[in-house]
């Protein structure tokens, strides 16, 4: 089932979305830009890459 609204801000996704690096939220591109400015973004990105490198393709993130 395709999501229609951003899990974080509630705006319509209009077919353009991405999963958060912090959790399993499906977010709009505006929220993704904000997320990239979070001081823990690099930590979240590295944790996701490490999980994938070890075969965990369902990593739940480090938490928002």
PDB file of N, CA and C in Angstrom:
ATOM      1  N   UNK A   1       0.833  -1.180   0.000  1.00  0.00           N
ATOM      2  CA  UNK A   1       0.000   0.000   0.000  1.00  0.00           C
ATOM      3  C   UNK A   1       0.882   1.250   0.000  1.00  0.00           C
ATOM      4  N   UNK A   2       0.675   2.107  -0.938  1.00  0.00           N
ATOM      5  CA  UNK A   2       1.465   3.323  -1.058  1.00  0.00           C
ATOM      6  C   UNK A   2       0.998   4.374  -0.058  1.00  0.00           C
ATOM      7  N   UNK A   3       1.961   4.951   0.647  1.00  0.00           N
ATOM      8  CA  UNK A   3       1.644   6.027   1.597  1.00  0.00           C
ATOM      9  C   UNK A   3       1.228   7.273   0.831  1.00  0.00           C
ATOM     10  N   UNK A   4       0.306   8.030   1.414  1.00  0.00           N
ATOM     11  CA  UNK A   4      -0.168   9.248   0.779  1.00  0.00           C
ATOM     12  C   UNK A   4       0.274  10.506   1.501  1.00  0.00           C
ATOM     13  N   UNK A   5       0.677  10.345   2.777  1.00  0.00           N
ATOM     14  CA  UNK A   5       1.051  11.501   3.583  1.00  0.00           C
ATOM     15  C   UNK A   5       2.357  11.222   4.326  1.00  0.00           C
ATOM     16  N   UNK A   6       3.130  12.276   4.542  1.00  0.00           N
ATOM     17  CA  UNK A   6       4.385  12.189   5.274  1.00  0.00           C
ATOM     18  C   UNK A   6       4.099  11.781   6.717  1.00  0.00           C
ATOM     19  N   UNK A   7       4.843  10.775   7.200  1.00  0.00           N
ATOM     20  CA  UNK A   7       4.671  10.320   8.585  1.00  0.00           C
ATOM     21  C   UNK A   7       5.114  11.372   9.590  1.00  0.00           C
ATOM     22  N   UNK A   8       5.957  12.279   9.191  1.00  0.00           N
ATOM     23  CA  UNK A   8       6.495  13.265  10.124  1.00  0.00           C
ATOM     24  C   UNK A   8       5.682  14.557  10.159  1.00  0.00           C
ATOM     25  N   UNK A   9       5.385  15.132   8.999  1.00  0.00           N
ATOM     26  CA  UNK A   9       4.703  16.432   8.991  1.00  0.00           C
ATOM     27  C   UNK A   9       3.259  16.362   8.503  1.00  0.00           C
ATOM     28  N   UNK A  10       2.884  15.235   7.886  1.00  0.00           N
ATOM     29  CA  UNK A  10       1.508  15.053   7.445  1.00  0.00           C
ATOM     30  C   UNK A  10       1.180  15.636   6.082  1.00  0.00           C
ATOM     31  N   UNK A  11       2.152  16.255   5.409  1.00  0.00           N
ATOM     32  CA  UNK A  11       1.904  16.809   4.076  1.00  0.00           C
ATOM     33  C   UNK A  11       1.686  15.689   3.064  1.00  0.00           C
ATOM     34  N   UNK A  12       0.902  15.952   2.005  1.00  0.00           N
ATOM     35  CA  UNK A  12       0.749  14.954   0.946  1.00  0.00           C
ATOM     36  C   UNK A  12       2.097  14.640   0.300  1.00  0.00           C
ATOM     37  N   UNK A  13       2.335  13.374  -0.015  1.00  0.00           N
ATOM     38  CA  UNK A  13       3.594  12.963  -0.607  1.00  0.00           C
ATOM     39  C   UNK A  13       3.631  13.157  -2.123  1.00  0.00           C
ATOM     40  N   UNK A  14       2.487  13.145  -2.771  1.00  0.00           N
ATOM     41  CA  UNK A  14       2.413  13.346  -4.215  1.00  0.00           C
ATOM     42  C   UNK A  14       3.386  12.444  -4.979  1.00  0.00           C
ATOM     43  N   UNK A  15       3.549  11.209  -4.501  1.00  0.00           N
ATOM     44  CA  UNK A  15       4.374  10.228  -5.191  1.00  0.00           C
ATOM     45  C   UNK A  15       5.871  10.369  -4.961  1.00  0.00           C
ATOM     46  N   UNK A  16       6.298  11.340  -4.157  1.00  0.00           N
ATOM     47  CA  UNK A  16       7.723  11.560  -3.921  1.00  0.00           C
ATOM     48  C   UNK A  16       8.005  11.424  -2.424  1.00  0.00           C
ATOM     49  N   UNK A  17       8.681  10.349  -2.041  1.00  0.00           N
ATOM     50  CA  UNK A  17       8.956  10.108  -0.627  1.00  0.00           C
ATOM     51  C   UNK A  17      10.238   9.303  -0.473  1.00  0.00           C
ATOM     52  N   UNK A  18      10.690   9.210   0.769  1.00  0.00           N
ATOM     53  CA  UNK A  18      11.889   8.443   1.099  1.00  0.00           C
ATOM     54  C   UNK A  18      11.749   7.981   2.548  1.00  0.00           C
ATOM     55  N   UNK A  19      12.463   6.917   2.899  1.00  0.00           N
ATOM     56  CA  UNK A  19      12.429   6.464   4.288  1.00  0.00           C
ATOM     57  C   UNK A  19      13.446   7.258   5.099  1.00  0.00           C
ATOM     58  N   UNK A  20      13.068   7.596   6.304  1.00  0.00           N
ATOM     59  CA  UNK A  20      13.943   8.304   7.225  1.00  0.00           C
ATOM     60  C   UNK A  20      15.200   7.483   7.515  1.00  0.00           C
ATOM     61  N   UNK A  21      16.295   8.151   7.794  1.00  0.00           N
ATOM     62  CA  UNK A  21      17.518   7.467   8.221  1.00  0.00           C
ATOM     63  C   UNK A  21      17.469   7.137   9.710  1.00  0.00           C
ATOM     64  N   UNK A  22      16.525   7.728  10.439  1.00  0.00           N
ATOM     65  CA  UNK A  22      16.445   7.538  11.886  1.00  0.00           C
ATOM     66  C   UNK A  22      15.477   6.443  12.310  1.00  0.00           C
ATOM     67  N   UNK A  23      14.440   6.230  11.508  1.00  0.00           N
ATOM     68  CA  UNK A  23      13.445   5.209  11.847  1.00  0.00           C
ATOM     69  C   UNK A  23      12.761   4.765  10.553  1.00  0.00           C
ATOM     70  N   UNK A  24      11.649   4.103  10.648  1.00  0.00           N
ATOM     71  CA  UNK A  24      10.983   3.573   9.459  1.00  0.00           C
ATOM     72  C   UNK A  24       9.897   4.499   8.914  1.00  0.00           C
ATOM     73  N   UNK A  25       9.893   5.748   9.346  1.00  0.00           N
ATOM     74  CA  UNK A  25       8.933   6.722   8.814  1.00  0.00           C
ATOM     75  C   UNK A  25       9.167   6.930   7.317  1.00  0.00           C
ATOM     76  N   UNK A  26       8.077   7.070   6.588  1.00  0.00           N
ATOM     77  CA  UNK A  26       8.133   7.493   5.194  1.00  0.00           C
ATOM     78  C   UNK A  26       7.908   8.998   5.217  1.00  0.00           C
ATOM     79  N   UNK A  27       8.888   9.740   4.711  1.00  0.00           N
ATOM     80  CA  UNK A  27       8.857  11.190   4.847  1.00  0.00           C
ATOM     81  C   UNK A  27       8.927  11.891   3.490  1.00  0.00           C
ATOM     82  N   UNK A  28       8.467  13.134   3.491  1.00  0.00           N
ATOM     83  CA  UNK A  28       8.528  13.964   2.290  1.00  0.00           C
ATOM     84  C   UNK A  28       9.953  14.499   2.114  1.00  0.00           C
ATOM     85  N   UNK A  29      10.219  15.057   0.971  1.00  0.00           N
ATOM     86  CA  UNK A  29      11.558  15.564   0.697  1.00  0.00           C
ATOM     87  C   UNK A  29      11.903  16.792   1.551  1.00  0.00           C
ATOM     88  N   UNK A  30      10.907  17.563   1.951  1.00  0.00           N
ATOM     89  CA  UNK A  30      11.170  18.691   2.864  1.00  0.00           C
ATOM     90  C   UNK A  30      11.680  18.171   4.206  1.00  0.00           C
ATOM     91  N   UNK A  31      11.029  17.135   4.729  1.00  0.00           N
ATOM     92  CA  UNK A  31      11.465  16.552   6.004  1.00  0.00           C
ATOM     93  C   UNK A  31      12.834  15.892   5.851  1.00  0.00           C
ATOM     94  N   UNK A  32      13.118  15.312   4.687  1.00  0.00           N
ATOM     95  CA  UNK A  32      14.430  14.714   4.443  1.00  0.00           C
ATOM     96  C   UNK A  32      15.515  15.789   4.490  1.00  0.00           C
ATOM     97  N   UNK A  33      15.249  16.946   3.896  1.00  0.00           N
ATOM     98  CA  UNK A  33      16.233  18.043   3.934  1.00  0.00           C
ATOM     99  C   UNK A  33      16.485  18.482   5.385  1.00  0.00           C
ATOM    100  N   UNK A  34      15.426  18.580   6.168  1.00  0.00           N
ATOM    101  CA  UNK A  34      15.577  18.939   7.586  1.00  0.00           C
ATOM    102  C   UNK A  34      16.355  17.865   8.339  1.00  0.00           C
ATOM    103  N   UNK A  35      16.051  16.598   8.035  1.00  0.00           N
ATOM    104  CA  UNK A  35      16.706  15.483   8.703  1.00  0.00           C
ATOM    105  C   UNK A  35      18.217  15.515   8.460  1.00  0.00           C
ATOM    106  N   UNK A  36      18.613  15.873   7.259  1.00  0.00           N
ATOM    107  CA  UNK A  36      20.047  15.920   6.926  1.00  0.00           C
ATOM    108  C   UNK A  36      20.792  16.953   7.768  1.00  0.00           C
ATOM    109  N   UNK A  37      20.095  17.936   8.322  1.00  0.00           N
ATOM    110  CA  UNK A  37      20.718  18.949   9.165  1.00  0.00           C
ATOM    111  C   UNK A  37      20.799  18.538  10.631  1.00  0.00           C
ATOM    112  N   UNK A  38      20.218  17.398  10.979  1.00  0.00           N
ATOM    113  CA  UNK A  38      20.256  16.919  12.358  1.00  0.00           C
ATOM    114  C   UNK A  38      21.695  16.545  12.717  1.00  0.00           C
ATOM    115  N   UNK A  39      22.174  16.918  13.897  1.00  0.00           N
ATOM    116  CA  UNK A  39      23.551  16.602  14.287  1.00  0.00           C
ATOM    117  C   UNK A  39      23.852  15.099  14.329  1.00  0.00           C
ATOM    118  N   UNK A  40      22.818  14.277  14.474  1.00  0.00           N
ATOM    119  CA  UNK A  40      23.025  12.818  14.527  1.00  0.00           C
ATOM    120  C   UNK A  40      22.866  12.147  13.166  1.00  0.00           C
ATOM    121  N   UNK A  41      22.672  12.918  12.101  1.00  0.00           N
ATOM    122  CA  UNK A  41      22.427  12.333  10.775  1.00  0.00           C
ATOM    123  C   UNK A  41      23.587  11.433  10.334  1.00  0.00           C
ATOM    124  N   UNK A  42      24.812  11.902  10.521  1.00  0.00           N
ATOM    125  CA  UNK A  42      25.971  11.095  10.123  1.00  0.00           C
ATOM    126  C   UNK A  42      25.989   9.765  10.885  1.00  0.00           C
ATOM    127  N   UNK A  43      25.675   9.804  12.170  1.00  0.00           N
ATOM    128  CA  UNK A  43      25.615   8.583  12.981  1.00  0.00           C
ATOM    129  C   UNK A  43      24.546   7.635  12.445  1.00  0.00           C
ATOM    130  N   UNK A  44      23.379   8.175  12.095  1.00  0.00           N
ATOM    131  CA  UNK A  44      22.294   7.353  11.553  1.00  0.00           C
ATOM    132  C   UNK A  44      22.691   6.731  10.228  1.00  0.00           C
ATOM    133  N   UNK A  45      23.342   7.509   9.376  1.00  0.00           N
ATOM    134  CA  UNK A  45      23.777   7.026   8.070  1.00  0.00           C
ATOM    135  C   UNK A  45      24.798   5.903   8.226  1.00  0.00           C
ATOM    136  N   UNK A  46      25.763   6.087   9.102  1.00  0.00           N
ATOM    137  CA  UNK A  46      26.785   5.063   9.332  1.00  0.00           C
ATOM    138  C   UNK A  46      26.189   3.792   9.921  1.00  0.00           C
ATOM    139  N   UNK A  47      25.233   3.927  10.826  1.00  0.00           N
ATOM    140  CA  UNK A  47      24.580   2.753  11.422  1.00  0.00           C
ATOM    141  C   UNK A  47      23.807   1.977  10.361  1.00  0.00           C
ATOM    142  N   UNK A  48      23.140   2.694   9.461  1.00  0.00           N
ATOM    143  CA  UNK A  48      22.394   2.046   8.384  1.00  0.00           C
ATOM    144  C   UNK A  48      23.341   1.307   7.438  1.00  0.00           C
ATOM    145  N   UNK A  49      24.425   1.948   7.062  1.00  0.00           N
ATOM    146  CA  UNK A  49      25.416   1.313   6.171  1.00  0.00           C
ATOM    147  C   UNK A  49      26.024   0.078   6.819  1.00  0.00           C
ATOM    148  N   UNK A  50      26.328   0.162   8.112  1.00  0.00           N
ATOM    149  CA  UNK A  50      26.892  -0.973   8.827  1.00  0.00           C
ATOM    150  C   UNK A  50      25.907  -2.137   8.876  1.00  0.00           C
ATOM    151  N   UNK A  51      24.641  -1.810   9.145  1.00  0.00           N
ATOM    152  CA  UNK A  51      23.616  -2.863   9.189  1.00  0.00           C
ATOM    153  C   UNK A  51      23.515  -3.560   7.834  1.00  0.00           C
ATOM    154  N   UNK A  52      23.481  -2.785   6.761  1.00  0.00           N
ATOM    155  CA  UNK A  52      23.397  -3.366   5.408  1.00  0.00           C
ATOM    156  C   UNK A  52      24.629  -4.216   5.104  1.00  0.00           C
ATOM    157  N   UNK A  53      25.802  -3.747   5.506  1.00  0.00           N
ATOM    158  CA  UNK A  53      27.042  -4.482   5.262  1.00  0.00           C
ATOM    159  C   UNK A  53      27.034  -5.844   5.960  1.00  0.00           C
ATOM    160  N   UNK A  54      26.266  -5.935   7.056  1.00  0.00           N
ATOM    161  CA  UNK A  54      26.161  -7.189   7.795  1.00  0.00           C
ATOM    162  C   UNK A  54      24.892  -7.966   7.454  1.00  0.00           C
ATOM    163  N   UNK A  55      24.247  -7.589   6.345  1.00  0.00           N
ATOM    164  CA  UNK A  55      23.091  -8.339   5.856  1.00  0.00           C
ATOM    165  C   UNK A  55      21.757  -7.947   6.445  1.00  0.00           C
ATOM    166  N   UNK A  56      21.711  -6.927   7.284  1.00  0.00           N
ATOM    167  CA  UNK A  56      20.449  -6.493   7.870  1.00  0.00           C
ATOM    168  C   UNK A  56      19.844  -5.401   6.992  1.00  0.00           C
ATOM    169  N   UNK A  57      18.974  -5.814   6.081  1.00  0.00           N
ATOM    170  CA  UNK A  57      18.342  -4.875   5.158  1.00  0.00           C
ATOM    171  C   UNK A  57      17.013  -4.352   5.701  1.00  0.00           C
ATOM    172  N   UNK A  58      16.694  -4.699   6.936  1.00  0.00           N
ATOM    173  CA  UNK A  58      15.475  -4.234   7.596  1.00  0.00           C
ATOM    174  C   UNK A  58      15.819  -3.457   8.864  1.00  0.00           C
ATOM    175  N   UNK A  59      16.925  -2.740   8.830  1.00  0.00           N
ATOM    176  CA  UNK A  59      17.366  -1.960   9.979  1.00  0.00           C
ATOM    177  C   UNK A  59      16.323  -0.913  10.340  1.00  0.00           C
ATOM    178  N   UNK A  60      15.975  -0.848  11.601  1.00  0.00           N
ATOM    179  CA  UNK A  60      14.908   0.047  12.068  1.00  0.00           C
ATOM    180  C   UNK A  60      15.407   1.459  12.367  1.00  0.00           C
ATOM    181  N   UNK A  61      16.722   1.695  12.283  1.00  0.00           N
ATOM    182  CA  UNK A  61      17.257   3.015  12.542  1.00  0.00           C
ATOM    183  C   UNK A  61      17.690   3.180  13.982  1.00  0.00           C
ATOM    184  N   UNK A  62      18.289   4.328  14.262  1.00  0.00           N
ATOM    185  CA  UNK A  62      18.814   4.600  15.612  1.00  0.00           C
ATOM    186  C   UNK A  62      17.785   5.318  16.478  1.00  0.00           C
ATOM    187  N   UNK A  63      16.654   5.657  15.910  1.00  0.00           N
ATOM    188  CA  UNK A  63      15.596   6.348  16.651  1.00  0.00           C
ATOM    189  C   UNK A  63      15.587   7.832  16.391  1.00  0.00           C
ATOM    190  N   UNK A  64      14.427   8.404  16.320  1.00  0.00           N
ATOM    191  CA  UNK A  64      14.279   9.822  16.020  1.00  0.00           C
ATOM    192  C   UNK A  64      14.347  10.570  17.308  1.00  0.00           C
TER     193      UNK A  64
END
